[in-house]
């Protein structure tokens, strides 16, 4: 199974834009690629201001930088951290980002 053909690339932005959906929630737990995914979804986040639930336990950069990134966009989110697993002290730590209601 080699590749070599031209595989079309579908981004989060193009997929959501083409669907004309109202986005109210984005949850990410993608093994350390959350910051890259957030950057790729920035336009959607600006446009819809969804609730964000982001895993922040895969590495130290993710734990410390995810909130700072979202906060730097100045969208008025409130931030909370919750641990979803009581069995593993460092697993399932999630950053909840709640938009202000106008």
C-alpha atoms as a PDB file:
ATOM      1  CA  UNK A   1       0.000   0.000   0.000  1.00  0.00           C
ATOM      2  CA  UNK A   2       2.068   2.872  -1.132  1.00  0.00           C
ATOM      3  CA  UNK A   3       0.693   6.197  -1.870  1.00  0.00           C
ATOM      4  CA  UNK A   4       1.855   8.528  -4.427  1.00  0.00           C
ATOM      5  CA  UNK A   5      -1.413   9.559  -5.848  1.00  0.00           C
ATOM      6  CA  UNK A   6      -2.903  12.920  -5.266  1.00  0.00           C
ATOM      7  CA  UNK A   7      -5.166  12.706  -2.262  1.00  0.00           C
ATOM      8  CA  UNK A   8      -7.437  15.718  -1.829  1.00  0.00           C
ATOM      9  CA  UNK A   9      -6.923  17.565   1.426  1.00  0.00           C
ATOM     10  CA  UNK A  10     -10.024  18.440   3.447  1.00  0.00           C
ATOM     11  CA  UNK A  11      -9.459  20.909   6.250  1.00  0.00           C
ATOM     12  CA  UNK A  12     -11.643  21.567   9.266  1.00  0.00           C
ATOM     13  CA  UNK A  13     -12.308  25.050   7.947  1.00  0.00           C
ATOM     14  CA  UNK A  14     -13.373  23.999   4.450  1.00  0.00           C
ATOM     15  CA  UNK A  15     -15.465  21.101   5.704  1.00  0.00           C
ATOM     16  CA  UNK A  16     -17.386  23.228   8.196  1.00  0.00           C
ATOM     17  CA  UNK A  17     -17.718  26.193   5.837  1.00  0.00           C
ATOM     18  CA  UNK A  18     -19.171  24.024   3.088  1.00  0.00           C
ATOM     19  CA  UNK A  19     -21.692  22.404   5.441  1.00  0.00           C
ATOM     20  CA  UNK A  20     -23.277  25.705   6.602  1.00  0.00           C
ATOM     21  CA  UNK A  21     -23.718  24.238  10.086  1.00  0.00           C
ATOM     22  CA  UNK A  22     -23.974  26.276  13.275  1.00  0.00           C
ATOM     23  CA  UNK A  23     -21.085  25.033  15.429  1.00  0.00           C
ATOM     24  CA  UNK A  24     -21.869  25.103  19.161  1.00  0.00           C
ATOM     25  CA  UNK A  25     -19.256  22.690  20.557  1.00  0.00           C
ATOM     26  CA  UNK A  26     -15.805  21.524  19.552  1.00  0.00           C
ATOM     27  CA  UNK A  27     -14.147  18.729  21.557  1.00  0.00           C
ATOM     28  CA  UNK A  28     -10.546  17.749  20.845  1.00  0.00           C
ATOM     29  CA  UNK A  29      -8.543  14.833  22.204  1.00  0.00           C
ATOM     30  CA  UNK A  30      -6.157  14.092  19.363  1.00  0.00           C
ATOM     31  CA  UNK A  31      -2.990  12.883  21.069  1.00  0.00           C
ATOM     32  CA  UNK A  32      -1.069  16.125  21.361  1.00  0.00           C
ATOM     33  CA  UNK A  33      -2.101  17.762  18.089  1.00  0.00           C
ATOM     34  CA  UNK A  34      -4.726  19.983  19.696  1.00  0.00           C
ATOM     35  CA  UNK A  35      -2.823  23.275  19.322  1.00  0.00           C
ATOM     36  CA  UNK A  36      -2.290  22.651  15.605  1.00  0.00           C
ATOM     37  CA  UNK A  37      -5.963  21.745  15.237  1.00  0.00           C
ATOM     38  CA  UNK A  38      -7.040  24.880  17.114  1.00  0.00           C
ATOM     39  CA  UNK A  39      -4.921  27.001  14.791  1.00  0.00           C
ATOM     40  CA  UNK A  40      -6.542  25.244  11.844  1.00  0.00           C
ATOM     41  CA  UNK A  41     -10.020  25.884  13.251  1.00  0.00           C
ATOM     42  CA  UNK A  42      -9.361  29.501  14.247  1.00  0.00           C
ATOM     43  CA  UNK A  43     -11.731  30.998  11.659  1.00  0.00           C
ATOM     44  CA  UNK A  44     -14.554  28.678  12.739  1.00  0.00           C
ATOM     45  CA  UNK A  45     -13.932  29.496  16.400  1.00  0.00           C
ATOM     46  CA  UNK A  46     -13.994  33.242  15.649  1.00  0.00           C
ATOM     47  CA  UNK A  47     -17.181  32.940  13.611  1.00  0.00           C
ATOM     48  CA  UNK A  48     -19.210  30.625  15.876  1.00  0.00           C
ATOM     49  CA  UNK A  49     -17.587  31.032  19.327  1.00  0.00           C
ATOM     50  CA  UNK A  50     -18.419  27.451  20.311  1.00  0.00           C
ATOM     51  CA  UNK A  51     -17.829  25.834  23.674  1.00  0.00           C
ATOM     52  CA  UNK A  52     -14.367  24.261  23.477  1.00  0.00           C
ATOM     53  CA  UNK A  53     -13.326  21.131  25.366  1.00  0.00           C
ATOM     54  CA  UNK A  54      -9.644  20.498  24.745  1.00  0.00           C
ATOM     55  CA  UNK A  55      -7.408  17.706  26.079  1.00  0.00           C
ATOM     56  CA  UNK A  56      -4.322  19.245  27.693  1.00  0.00           C
ATOM     57  CA  UNK A  57      -2.590  16.193  29.184  1.00  0.00           C
ATOM     58  CA  UNK A  58      -0.447  14.829  26.360  1.00  0.00           C
ATOM     59  CA  UNK A  59       2.579  17.080  26.900  1.00  0.00           C
ATOM     60  CA  UNK A  60       3.736  20.087  28.933  1.00  0.00           C
ATOM     61  CA  UNK A  61       3.505  22.542  26.015  1.00  0.00           C
ATOM     62  CA  UNK A  62      -0.111  21.617  25.512  1.00  0.00           C
ATOM     63  CA  UNK A  63      -0.904  21.945  29.220  1.00  0.00           C
ATOM     64  CA  UNK A  64       0.594  25.420  29.509  1.00  0.00           C
ATOM     65  CA  UNK A  65       0.064  26.922  26.037  1.00  0.00           C
ATOM     66  CA  UNK A  66      -3.477  25.952  25.012  1.00  0.00           C
ATOM     67  CA  UNK A  67      -5.271  28.416  27.287  1.00  0.00           C
ATOM     68  CA  UNK A  68      -2.790  31.173  26.428  1.00  0.00           C
ATOM     69  CA  UNK A  69      -3.383  30.628  22.702  1.00  0.00           C
ATOM     70  CA  UNK A  70      -7.172  30.796  22.961  1.00  0.00           C
ATOM     71  CA  UNK A  71      -7.019  33.728  25.384  1.00  0.00           C
ATOM     72  CA  UNK A  72      -4.742  35.622  22.953  1.00  0.00           C
ATOM     73  CA  UNK A  73      -7.578  35.593  20.405  1.00  0.00           C
ATOM     74  CA  UNK A  74      -9.512  37.894  22.784  1.00  0.00           C
ATOM     75  CA  UNK A  75     -12.869  36.189  22.287  1.00  0.00           C
ATOM     76  CA  UNK A  76     -14.021  36.556  25.893  1.00  0.00           C
ATOM     77  CA  UNK A  77     -13.844  32.898  26.900  1.00  0.00           C
ATOM     78  CA  UNK A  78     -13.907  31.791  30.547  1.00  0.00           C
ATOM     79  CA  UNK A  79     -11.592  28.870  31.309  1.00  0.00           C
ATOM     80  CA  UNK A  80     -11.932  25.874  33.616  1.00  0.00           C
ATOM     81  CA  UNK A  81      -9.818  22.747  34.004  1.00  0.00           C
ATOM     82  CA  UNK A  82     -11.421  19.420  34.894  1.00  0.00           C
ATOM     83  CA  UNK A  83     -10.004  15.946  35.335  1.00  0.00           C
ATOM     84  CA  UNK A  84     -12.274  13.309  33.847  1.00  0.00           C
ATOM     85  CA  UNK A  85     -10.522  10.191  35.177  1.00  0.00           C
ATOM     86  CA  UNK A  86     -10.018   9.467  38.867  1.00  0.00           C
ATOM     87  CA  UNK A  87      -7.942   6.361  38.130  1.00  0.00           C
ATOM     88  CA  UNK A  88      -5.000   7.970  36.327  1.00  0.00           C
ATOM     89  CA  UNK A  89      -3.618  11.150  37.896  1.00  0.00           C
ATOM     90  CA  UNK A  90      -2.261  12.662  34.669  1.00  0.00           C
ATOM     91  CA  UNK A  91      -4.826  11.411  32.141  1.00  0.00           C
ATOM     92  CA  UNK A  92      -7.996  13.033  30.908  1.00  0.00           C
ATOM     93  CA  UNK A  93      -7.233  16.599  31.994  1.00  0.00           C
ATOM     94  CA  UNK A  94      -9.472  18.822  29.897  1.00  0.00           C
ATOM     95  CA  UNK A  95      -9.613  22.574  29.368  1.00  0.00           C
ATOM     96  CA  UNK A  96     -13.180  23.858  29.149  1.00  0.00           C
ATOM     97  CA  UNK A  97     -13.542  27.178  27.327  1.00  0.00           C
ATOM     98  CA  UNK A  98     -16.941  28.783  27.731  1.00  0.00           C
ATOM     99  CA  UNK A  99     -17.929  31.784  25.624  1.00  0.00           C
ATOM    100  CA  UNK A 100     -19.568  34.758  27.275  1.00  0.00           C
ATOM    101  CA  UNK A 101     -23.262  34.923  26.546  1.00  0.00           C
ATOM    102  CA  UNK A 102     -24.314  38.259  25.050  1.00  0.00           C
END
